[in-house]
Amino acid sequence: MPVLQSLAQARDKWNEHQANAIWDASIVKVILGGASNSRDLQDLSALVGERDEYTDSVTLGDHGSRSNQRSVRRVPIFPPDRIRRLPFGTGIVLLRSAPPIVTDLHPWPKRPDASQLTADRAEIETLLRRSDT
């Protein structure tokens, strides 16, 4: 079971063809936020799929006549920027034969080491903030 922070890791470890084969063979994919490769984000957005977006417009004509029009266009369910900005602990689960599932990945409260994990995370985030300034 490969676990990758980004597809670039797979391409670095294996070549492009082998990384694509591993990705394609995965029957369950869990997408997390934070990726920054625009091509990969675009591909993930396309993989998640599209939905119909309806726009209604009313045109007023001469002598008070009205014309109603409804147009439809296909838009991504999750545009690339929205995938990139998924909140910490949220993932999109892609199964082979099911619609995408947005899921909460916060298991820490149920773990016996939850308080230590929370403290470690806070410490690392503090260190990261300090290094940014």
Protein backbone atom coordinates (compact mmCIF):
# COMPACT_ATOMS: atom_id res chain seq x y z
CA MET A 1 0.00 0.00 0.00
CA PRO A 2 1.85 3.12 -1.15
CA VAL A 3 1.28 6.28 0.86
CA LEU A 4 2.46 9.46 -0.82
CA GLN A 5 2.27 13.11 0.13
CA SER A 6 2.33 13.95 -3.56
CA LEU A 7 2.54 12.17 -6.89
CA ALA A 8 5.92 13.84 -7.40
CA GLN A 9 7.27 11.48 -4.72
CA ALA A 10 6.19 8.50 -6.79
CA ARG A 11 7.74 9.98 -9.93
CA ASP A 12 10.98 10.56 -8.03
CA LYS A 13 11.08 7.03 -6.61
CA TRP A 14 9.95 5.35 -9.81
CA ASN A 15 9.71 6.76 -13.31
CA GLU A 16 6.64 8.54 -14.73
CA HIS A 17 5.26 5.37 -16.33
CA GLN A 18 5.62 3.24 -13.18
CA ALA A 19 4.20 5.99 -10.95
CA ASN A 20 1.16 6.24 -13.24
CA ALA A 21 0.74 2.44 -13.15
CA ILE A 22 0.76 2.45 -9.33
CA TRP A 23 -1.72 5.35 -9.25
CA ASP A 24 -4.04 3.68 -11.77
CA ALA A 25 -3.93 0.34 -9.94
CA SER A 26 -4.92 1.89 -6.61
CA ILE A 27 -8.54 1.01 -5.94
CA VAL A 28 -8.79 3.44 -3.01
CA LYS A 29 -7.22 6.89 -3.18
CA VAL A 30 -7.28 9.36 -0.29
CA ILE A 31 -6.59 12.92 -1.43
CA LEU A 32 -5.33 15.42 1.15
CA GLY A 33 -4.88 19.15 0.86
CA GLY A 34 -1.59 20.96 0.49
CA ALA A 35 -0.47 19.74 -2.94
CA SER A 36 0.99 22.43 -5.16
CA ASN A 37 1.66 20.79 -8.53
CA SER A 38 -0.91 22.46 -10.79
CA ARG A 39 -0.99 19.58 -13.29
CA ASP A 40 -1.63 17.02 -10.55
CA LEU A 41 -4.31 19.22 -8.97
CA GLN A 42 -6.01 19.63 -12.36
CA ASP A 43 -5.89 15.85 -12.92
CA LEU A 44 -7.35 15.21 -9.45
CA SER A 45 -10.12 17.72 -10.10
CA ALA A 46 -10.98 15.95 -13.36
CA LEU A 47 -10.90 12.57 -11.58
CA VAL A 48 -13.36 13.76 -8.93
CA GLY A 49 -15.73 14.87 -11.69
CA GLU A 50 -18.09 17.63 -12.69
CA ARG A 51 -21.59 18.78 -11.85
CA ASP A 52 -24.22 20.89 -13.62
CA GLU A 53 -24.45 24.55 -12.67
CA TYR A 54 -27.61 26.37 -13.71
CA THR A 55 -27.89 30.09 -14.40
CA ASP A 56 -31.26 31.80 -14.76
CA SER A 57 -31.60 35.15 -16.49
CA VAL A 58 -34.58 37.40 -17.14
CA THR A 59 -34.65 39.87 -20.00
CA LEU A 60 -37.15 42.70 -20.03
CA GLY A 61 -38.25 43.73 -23.47
CA ASP A 62 -40.43 46.39 -25.05
CA HIS A 63 -43.81 47.07 -23.50
CA GLY A 64 -43.07 45.03 -20.35
CA SER A 65 -42.48 41.68 -22.05
CA ARG A 66 -40.27 39.23 -20.18
CA SER A 67 -38.05 36.45 -21.40
CA ASN A 68 -36.74 33.77 -19.03
CA GLN A 69 -33.72 31.73 -19.96
CA ARG A 70 -31.90 28.96 -18.12
CA SER A 71 -28.42 27.88 -19.15
CA VAL A 72 -26.40 25.00 -17.85
CA ARG A 73 -22.67 24.49 -17.76
CA ARG A 74 -20.42 21.79 -16.35
CA VAL A 75 -18.16 22.88 -13.49
CA PRO A 76 -15.71 20.85 -11.39
CA ILE A 77 -17.07 19.41 -8.15
CA PHE A 78 -13.71 20.24 -6.57
CA PRO A 79 -11.69 22.80 -8.52
CA PRO A 80 -7.90 22.49 -8.15
CA ASP A 81 -7.66 25.40 -5.69
CA ARG A 82 -10.28 23.84 -3.44
CA ILE A 83 -8.43 20.51 -3.38
CA ARG A 84 -5.20 22.36 -2.53
CA ARG A 85 -6.93 24.16 0.37
CA LEU A 86 -8.67 21.16 1.97
CA PRO A 87 -8.61 21.72 5.74
CA PHE A 88 -6.24 19.67 7.87
CA GLY A 89 -7.89 16.36 8.73
CA THR A 90 -10.21 16.40 5.72
CA GLY A 91 -9.75 14.10 2.75
CA ILE A 92 -11.49 13.10 -0.45
CA VAL A 93 -11.80 9.33 -0.75
CA LEU A 94 -11.96 8.02 -4.29
CA LEU A 95 -13.15 4.45 -4.65
CA ARG A 96 -13.18 2.48 -7.86
CA SER A 97 -16.96 2.40 -8.30
CA ALA A 98 -18.47 5.04 -6.01
CA PRO A 99 -18.87 8.81 -6.04
CA PRO A 100 -16.19 10.82 -4.22
CA ILE A 101 -16.55 10.91 -0.43
CA VAL A 102 -15.45 13.92 1.62
CA THR A 103 -14.41 12.53 4.98
CA ASP A 104 -13.08 13.59 8.36
CA LEU A 105 -9.74 11.93 9.06
CA HIS A 106 -9.35 12.98 12.72
CA PRO A 107 -8.77 9.72 14.63
CA TRP A 108 -6.72 11.29 17.43
CA PRO A 109 -9.42 11.58 20.12
CA LYS A 110 -9.89 7.81 20.06
CA ARG A 111 -6.19 6.98 20.33
CA PRO A 112 -4.49 6.34 23.67
CA ASP A 113 -1.65 8.69 22.65
CA ALA A 114 -3.99 11.49 21.50
CA SER A 115 -2.74 14.05 24.03
CA GLN A 116 0.91 13.42 23.04
CA LEU A 117 0.10 13.69 19.32
CA THR A 118 -1.76 16.95 19.90
CA ALA A 119 1.15 18.38 21.94
CA ASP A 120 3.69 17.28 19.31
CA ARG A 121 1.63 18.84 16.53
CA ALA A 122 1.34 22.14 18.43
CA GLU A 123 5.10 22.18 19.03
CA ILE A 124 5.91 21.54 15.37
CA GLU A 125 3.44 24.19 14.20
CA THR A 126 5.03 26.69 16.61
CA LEU A 127 8.51 25.87 15.28
CA LEU A 128 7.28 26.26 11.70
CA ARG A 129 5.74 29.65 12.47
CA ARG A 130 9.03 30.82 14.01
CA SER A 131 11.00 29.75 10.93
CA ASP A 132 8.64 31.71 8.66
CA THR A 133 9.50 35.03 10.32
